[in-house]
Amino acid sequence: MKPHESGWTSLPHSVRVTLLRLIALALIVVTLSFTSDAFLTTNNVMNVLRQTALLFLLASGLTIVILTAGLDLTVGANIGLSACLAATVIKSTGSISLAFVAGMGSGLLIGLVNGGLIAFLRIPPFIATYGMLWILHGVTYWFMGGQTVHGFPADFRAIGSGYVWGIPIPVFLMIGFLVVGMVFLQRTRWGQEIYAVGANREAAHLSGIPVNRRLVLAYVMSGLMAGLASLIFLARLNSAEGDIGESMTLPAIAAVLIGGTSLFGGVGTITGTLIGALILTLVLNGMNLLSINANWQPLVTGLIVIAAVYFDNISNKGNK
């Protein structure tokens, strides 16, 4: 620690980011507790947890991509195609296992294509995934042909809408993947190499890290998590159509940025993404409870993202 450092500025940046988010989260909870009688009801708390779980699962894979200084704009479209494929499989075969294979397999393949375009064809992440977004939308609409698939087995629907010990099943998945993500990023060589690639790609290459393979790995993991999220979303809605998942991309990116992950790569945590997902979900939930016009929600989300990134910049300057 430098001689002039003390108190707040002596804390590691990651700790400061987490504390700031936790303070913001606590303030939101306290404010909504006093302004809405429905906020702390069991039904609303369970609803918030269920929505947070879905958003976190999608955003956790996206976090790994952004840690490499990349971007995956296909996560919403990935949910759409993967959910529609899984829905068709389960309706035609009745097999939940095959539906999981279809959904997760689709997500993995999409992530693999994204990673290949970026790592080996050298297409910038924004352009590659933006182009893939439109391709996936086109394939999904062609595949569905304007049809809606609905009515799935109760065992499958429980994945998205069921409970265990009074707690939504997606919450247990969220906790499980939170632990897996933390161990992967903090305790494995692959995770540390992903941080290194995002911090300085050229230095990572010179130090012997297989940069291209780590980039592909990051996009594959994002695709797999989108595939998993598609199954939970499908089970919750109990129906699939061409536009399913289209609205999920921007909230997922927002959750990652609110959680403190830098778009420039190399900085961020899975725990921060969970806090970001909770903050975003609570704000939108609070607006609904307070009967604030839904048209204001995108504006508020944008302001929260800008504020989060701005305060991170201030915190970074204070650390220099």
Protein backbone atom coordinates (compact mmCIF):
# COMPACT_ATOMS: atom_id res chain seq x y z
CA MET A 1 0.00 0.00 0.00
CA LYS A 2 1.33 3.48 -0.86
CA PRO A 3 2.14 5.75 2.12
CA HIS A 4 -0.59 8.26 1.31
CA GLU A 5 -3.30 5.62 0.85
CA SER A 6 -5.84 5.05 3.59
CA GLY A 7 -9.44 4.04 4.08
CA TRP A 8 -11.54 3.74 0.94
CA THR A 9 -8.75 4.34 -1.59
CA SER A 10 -6.60 1.60 -0.03
CA LEU A 11 -9.20 -1.05 -0.87
CA PRO A 12 -8.75 -3.09 -4.06
CA HIS A 13 -10.83 -1.84 -6.96
CA SER A 14 -12.91 -5.03 -7.12
CA VAL A 15 -13.81 -4.66 -3.44
CA ARG A 16 -14.83 -1.03 -3.91
CA VAL A 17 -16.99 -1.93 -6.89
CA THR A 18 -18.74 -4.68 -4.93
CA LEU A 19 -19.32 -2.45 -1.89
CA LEU A 20 -20.76 0.35 -4.01
CA ARG A 21 -23.16 -2.10 -5.66
CA LEU A 22 -24.20 -3.60 -2.35
CA ILE A 23 -24.87 -0.14 -0.92
CA ALA A 24 -26.97 0.74 -3.97
CA LEU A 25 -28.81 -2.58 -3.66
CA ALA A 26 -29.55 -1.97 0.03
CA LEU A 27 -30.83 1.55 -0.68
CA ILE A 28 -33.18 0.24 -3.36
CA VAL A 29 -34.54 -2.46 -1.04
CA VAL A 30 -35.10 0.02 1.81
CA THR A 31 -36.75 2.57 -0.48
CA LEU A 32 -39.13 0.05 -2.03
CA SER A 33 -39.94 -1.40 1.39
CA PHE A 34 -41.27 1.98 2.49
CA THR A 35 -42.96 2.99 -0.76
CA SER A 36 -44.79 -0.25 -1.64
CA ASP A 37 -46.70 -2.54 0.70
CA ALA A 38 -46.47 -5.32 -1.90
CA PHE A 39 -42.68 -5.27 -2.22
CA LEU A 40 -41.83 -7.58 0.69
CA THR A 41 -44.68 -10.00 0.12
CA THR A 42 -43.64 -13.61 -0.47
CA ASN A 43 -45.08 -13.68 -3.99
CA ASN A 44 -43.18 -10.57 -5.06
CA VAL A 45 -39.90 -11.66 -3.50
CA MET A 46 -40.14 -15.03 -5.25
CA ASN A 47 -40.97 -13.27 -8.52
CA VAL A 48 -37.94 -11.01 -8.17
CA LEU A 49 -35.69 -13.99 -7.47
CA ARG A 50 -37.06 -15.92 -10.44
CA GLN A 51 -36.53 -13.00 -12.83
CA THR A 52 -33.08 -12.31 -11.42
CA ALA A 53 -32.09 -15.95 -11.89
CA LEU A 54 -33.01 -15.95 -15.59
CA LEU A 55 -31.23 -12.65 -16.21
CA PHE A 56 -28.15 -13.77 -14.27
CA LEU A 57 -27.82 -17.07 -16.13
CA LEU A 58 -27.86 -15.22 -19.44
CA ALA A 59 -25.56 -12.43 -18.23
CA SER A 60 -23.04 -14.77 -16.57
CA GLY A 61 -21.93 -16.20 -19.91
CA LEU A 62 -21.90 -12.71 -21.41
CA THR A 63 -19.64 -11.59 -18.54
CA ILE A 64 -16.95 -14.05 -19.64
CA VAL A 65 -17.10 -12.67 -23.19
CA ILE A 66 -16.87 -9.06 -22.02
CA LEU A 67 -13.90 -9.95 -19.81
CA THR A 68 -12.03 -10.72 -23.05
CA ALA A 69 -12.90 -7.19 -24.29
CA GLY A 70 -15.48 -8.79 -26.56
CA LEU A 71 -19.24 -8.51 -26.96
CA ASP A 72 -22.01 -10.99 -27.72
CA LEU A 73 -25.08 -9.35 -29.20
CA THR A 74 -26.60 -12.71 -30.13
CA VAL A 75 -27.65 -13.84 -26.65
CA GLY A 76 -31.30 -12.81 -27.11
CA ALA A 77 -31.49 -14.28 -30.61
CA ASN A 78 -29.73 -17.38 -29.28
CA ILE A 79 -32.51 -17.78 -26.71
CA GLY A 80 -35.06 -17.46 -29.50
CA LEU A 81 -33.65 -20.13 -31.81
CA SER A 82 -32.66 -22.49 -29.00
CA ALA A 83 -36.06 -22.22 -27.32
CA CYS A 84 -37.92 -22.82 -30.58
CA LEU A 85 -35.80 -25.87 -31.40
CA ALA A 86 -36.28 -27.28 -27.90
CA ALA A 87 -40.03 -26.60 -28.02
CA THR A 88 -40.38 -28.39 -31.35
CA VAL A 89 -38.37 -31.38 -30.13
CA ILE A 90 -40.32 -31.78 -26.91
CA LYS A 91 -43.67 -31.50 -28.70
CA SER A 92 -42.71 -34.02 -31.37
CA THR A 93 -40.93 -36.55 -29.14
CA GLY A 94 -42.16 -35.85 -25.62
CA SER A 95 -38.57 -36.21 -24.40
CA ILE A 96 -37.30 -33.60 -21.95
CA SER A 97 -33.75 -34.94 -22.33
CA LEU A 98 -33.78 -34.44 -26.10
CA ALA A 99 -35.21 -30.95 -25.61
CA PHE A 100 -32.23 -30.11 -23.39
CA VAL A 101 -29.84 -31.52 -25.97
CA ALA A 102 -31.49 -29.40 -28.68
CA GLY A 103 -31.50 -26.19 -26.64
CA MET A 104 -28.00 -26.52 -25.20
CA GLY A 105 -26.59 -27.88 -28.45
CA SER A 106 -28.00 -24.95 -30.39
CA GLY A 107 -26.53 -22.50 -27.89
CA LEU A 108 -23.12 -24.18 -28.03
CA LEU A 109 -23.06 -24.18 -31.84
CA ILE A 110 -23.99 -20.50 -32.01
CA GLY A 111 -21.26 -19.65 -29.52
CA LEU A 112 -18.75 -21.73 -31.50
CA VAL A 113 -19.59 -19.88 -34.73
CA ASN A 114 -19.31 -16.50 -32.97
CA GLY A 115 -15.96 -17.46 -31.50
CA GLY A 116 -14.66 -18.71 -34.84
CA LEU A 117 -15.66 -15.52 -36.65
CA ILE A 118 -13.90 -13.39 -34.04
CA ALA A 119 -10.83 -15.48 -33.24
CA PHE A 120 -9.90 -16.89 -36.64
CA LEU A 121 -11.53 -14.59 -39.22
CA ARG A 122 -10.56 -11.52 -37.16
CA ILE A 123 -14.00 -9.94 -37.49
CA PRO A 124 -14.59 -7.37 -34.70
CA PRO A 125 -16.93 -8.77 -32.00
CA PHE A 126 -19.57 -6.09 -32.49
CA ILE A 127 -19.80 -6.69 -36.25
CA ALA A 128 -19.60 -10.50 -36.03
CA THR A 129 -22.28 -10.87 -33.37
CA TYR A 130 -24.47 -8.12 -34.83
CA GLY A 131 -24.48 -9.91 -38.15
CA MET A 132 -25.14 -13.24 -36.45
CA LEU A 133 -28.02 -11.67 -34.53
CA TRP A 134 -29.86 -10.97 -37.80
CA ILE A 135 -28.98 -14.38 -39.21
CA LEU A 136 -30.38 -16.10 -36.12
CA HIS A 137 -33.55 -14.04 -36.22
CA GLY A 138 -34.01 -14.95 -39.86
CA VAL A 139 -33.46 -18.66 -39.24
CA THR A 140 -35.82 -18.62 -36.25
CA TYR A 141 -38.64 -16.91 -38.13
CA TRP A 142 -38.16 -19.26 -41.10
CA PHE A 143 -38.10 -22.32 -38.83
CA MET A 144 -41.26 -21.33 -36.95
CA GLY A 145 -43.13 -20.14 -40.03
CA GLY A 146 -45.39 -17.92 -37.93
CA GLN A 147 -46.47 -20.83 -35.74
CA THR A 148 -46.61 -20.96 -31.95
CA VAL A 149 -45.64 -24.11 -30.06
CA HIS A 150 -47.20 -24.44 -26.62
CA GLY A 151 -48.31 -26.88 -23.96
CA PHE A 152 -45.35 -28.78 -22.51
CA PRO A 153 -45.15 -31.58 -19.91
CA ALA A 154 -45.47 -30.56 -16.26
CA ASP A 155 -42.02 -31.95 -15.46
CA PHE A 156 -40.46 -29.66 -18.04
CA ARG A 157 -42.46 -26.62 -16.98
CA ALA A 158 -41.27 -27.09 -13.39
CA ILE A 159 -37.77 -26.08 -14.50
CA GLY A 160 -38.98 -22.53 -15.08
CA SER A 161 -42.00 -22.19 -12.83
CA GLY A 162 -41.64 -24.88 -10.16
CA TYR A 163 -40.48 -24.67 -6.54
CA VAL A 164 -38.32 -26.71 -4.18
CA TRP A 165 -38.77 -25.98 -0.46
CA GLY A 166 -40.77 -22.91 -1.46
CA ILE A 167 -37.93 -21.47 -3.54
CA PRO A 168 -38.11 -21.19 -7.35
CA ILE A 169 -36.04 -23.86 -9.09
CA PRO A 170 -34.17 -21.28 -11.27
CA VAL A 171 -32.77 -19.77 -8.05
CA PHE A 172 -30.97 -23.03 -7.27
CA LEU A 173 -29.56 -23.05 -10.81
CA MET A 174 -28.45 -19.45 -10.33
CA ILE A 175 -26.61 -20.30 -7.10
CA GLY A 176 -25.02 -23.36 -8.68
CA PHE A 177 -23.72 -21.49 -11.71
CA LEU A 178 -22.61 -18.58 -9.54
CA VAL A 179 -20.32 -20.97 -7.66
CA VAL A 180 -19.16 -22.65 -10.87
CA GLY A 181 -18.45 -19.28 -12.50
CA MET A 182 -16.51 -18.00 -9.49
CA VAL A 183 -14.36 -21.12 -9.33
CA PHE A 184 -13.77 -21.11 -13.09
CA LEU A 185 -12.68 -17.47 -13.28
CA GLN A 186 -10.77 -17.22 -10.02
CA ARG A 187 -9.35 -20.70 -9.45
CA THR A 188 -8.59 -22.17 -12.87
CA ARG A 189 -5.82 -21.43 -15.34
CA TRP A 190 -8.37 -21.00 -18.13
CA GLY A 191 -10.23 -18.36 -16.14
CA GLN A 192 -7.07 -16.44 -15.34
CA GLU A 193 -6.05 -16.59 -18.99
CA ILE A 194 -9.40 -15.08 -19.99
CA TYR A 195 -8.66 -12.12 -17.70
CA ALA A 196 -5.19 -11.83 -19.23
CA VAL A 197 -6.56 -11.84 -22.78
CA GLY A 198 -8.97 -9.04 -21.91
CA ALA A 199 -6.36 -6.98 -20.08
CA ASN A 200 -3.76 -7.09 -22.87
CA ARG A 201 -4.19 -9.46 -25.78
CA GLU A 202 -0.72 -8.94 -27.21
CA ALA A 203 0.97 -9.49 -23.85
CA ALA A 204 -1.15 -12.61 -23.31
CA HIS A 205 -0.04 -13.98 -26.69
CA LEU A 206 3.63 -13.26 -25.95
CA SER A 207 3.34 -15.02 -22.59
CA GLY A 208 2.23 -18.22 -24.31
CA ILE A 209 -1.54 -18.04 -23.72
CA PRO A 210 -3.52 -19.59 -26.64
CA VAL A 211 -5.52 -16.40 -27.22
CA ASN A 212 -7.71 -17.69 -30.05
CA ARG A 213 -8.74 -20.78 -28.12
CA ARG A 214 -9.60 -18.72 -25.07
CA LEU A 215 -11.72 -16.39 -27.18
CA VAL A 216 -13.61 -19.34 -28.67
CA LEU A 217 -14.05 -20.78 -25.17
CA ALA A 218 -15.55 -17.51 -23.93
CA TYR A 219 -18.11 -17.35 -26.74
CA VAL A 220 -18.95 -21.04 -26.41
CA MET A 221 -19.66 -20.52 -22.70
CA SER A 222 -21.85 -17.52 -23.50
CA GLY A 223 -23.72 -19.60 -26.06
CA LEU A 224 -24.19 -22.49 -23.62
CA MET A 225 -25.58 -20.19 -20.93
CA ALA A 226 -27.95 -18.65 -23.46
CA GLY A 227 -29.06 -22.17 -24.38
CA LEU A 228 -29.72 -22.95 -20.72
CA ALA A 229 -31.57 -19.68 -20.24
CA SER A 230 -33.71 -20.49 -23.28
CA LEU A 231 -34.91 -23.71 -21.65
CA ILE A 232 -35.81 -21.98 -18.39
CA PHE A 233 -37.55 -19.15 -20.25
CA LEU A 234 -39.43 -21.65 -22.41
CA ALA A 235 -40.52 -23.70 -19.40
CA ARG A 236 -41.74 -20.55 -17.67
CA LEU A 237 -43.71 -19.20 -20.65
CA ASN A 238 -45.01 -22.63 -21.73
CA SER A 239 -44.91 -21.46 -25.34
CA ALA A 240 -42.48 -20.51 -28.09
CA GLU A 241 -42.76 -18.27 -31.13
CA GLY A 242 -40.37 -16.51 -33.47
CA ASP A 243 -39.78 -13.40 -31.38
CA ILE A 244 -39.12 -15.14 -28.05
CA GLY A 245 -36.01 -13.77 -26.34
CA GLU A 246 -35.62 -10.66 -28.50
CA SER A 247 -35.95 -8.35 -25.49
CA MET A 248 -33.30 -10.13 -23.39
CA THR A 249 -30.05 -8.90 -24.95
CA LEU A 250 -29.92 -5.33 -23.66
CA PRO A 251 -30.95 -6.19 -20.07
CA ALA A 252 -28.21 -8.87 -20.00
CA ILE A 253 -25.59 -6.37 -21.16
CA ALA A 254 -26.92 -3.85 -18.65
CA ALA A 255 -26.65 -6.36 -15.78
CA VAL A 256 -23.00 -7.06 -16.67
CA LEU A 257 -22.08 -3.37 -16.84
CA ILE A 258 -24.03 -2.43 -13.71
CA GLY A 259 -22.14 -5.25 -11.98
CA GLY A 260 -18.82 -3.54 -12.71
CA THR A 261 -17.42 -5.54 -15.62
CA SER A 262 -15.48 -3.26 -17.97
CA LEU A 263 -16.24 -3.21 -21.68
CA PHE A 264 -12.49 -2.77 -22.20
CA GLY A 265 -11.89 -6.24 -20.74
CA GLY A 266 -9.87 -7.72 -17.92
CA VAL A 267 -11.97 -6.30 -15.05
CA GLY A 268 -15.11 -7.80 -13.55
CA THR A 269 -16.58 -10.70 -11.59
CA ILE A 270 -19.49 -13.11 -11.78
CA THR A 271 -20.55 -11.93 -8.30
CA GLY A 272 -20.76 -8.39 -9.59
CA THR A 273 -23.00 -9.55 -12.43
CA LEU A 274 -25.36 -11.16 -9.92
CA ILE A 275 -25.56 -7.89 -7.99
CA GLY A 276 -26.12 -6.02 -11.27
CA ALA A 277 -28.93 -8.40 -12.23
CA LEU A 278 -30.54 -7.92 -8.80
CA ILE A 279 -30.31 -4.13 -9.01
CA LEU A 280 -31.83 -4.01 -12.49
CA THR A 281 -34.60 -6.47 -11.60
CA LEU A 282 -35.47 -4.62 -8.38
CA VAL A 283 -35.62 -1.25 -10.13
CA LEU A 284 -37.95 -2.56 -12.84
CA ASN A 285 -40.02 -4.47 -10.27
CA GLY A 286 -40.31 -1.34 -8.15
CA MET A 287 -41.48 0.70 -11.13
CA ASN A 288 -44.18 -1.87 -11.80
CA LEU A 289 -45.29 -1.90 -8.15
CA LEU A 290 -45.44 1.89 -8.08
CA SER A 291 -47.48 1.90 -11.33
CA ILE A 292 -44.85 3.90 -13.22
CA ASN A 293 -45.44 3.81 -16.96
CA ALA A 294 -43.51 0.94 -18.55
CA ASN A 295 -42.33 3.30 -21.29
CA TRP A 296 -39.98 4.85 -18.72
CA GLN A 297 -38.21 1.57 -17.98
CA PRO A 298 -35.71 1.67 -20.90
CA LEU A 299 -34.82 5.26 -20.00
CA VAL A 300 -34.21 4.37 -16.35
CA THR A 301 -32.16 1.30 -17.36
CA GLY A 302 -29.97 3.45 -19.58
CA LEU A 303 -29.41 6.02 -16.84
CA ILE A 304 -28.43 3.29 -14.38
CA VAL A 305 -25.88 1.84 -16.82
CA ILE A 306 -24.35 5.27 -17.52
CA ALA A 307 -24.20 6.09 -13.80
CA ALA A 308 -22.60 2.73 -12.96
CA VAL A 309 -19.89 3.10 -15.61
CA TYR A 310 -19.29 6.75 -14.65
CA PHE A 311 -18.75 5.94 -10.98
CA ASP A 312 -16.46 3.07 -11.95
CA ASN A 313 -14.34 5.52 -13.94
CA ILE A 314 -14.14 7.82 -10.93
CA SER A 315 -13.17 4.89 -8.73
CA ASN A 316 -10.47 3.84 -11.20
CA LYS A 317 -9.00 7.35 -11.29
CA GLY A 318 -8.89 7.39 -7.53
CA ASN A 319 -6.82 4.24 -7.62
CA LYS A 320 -4.14 5.71 -9.85
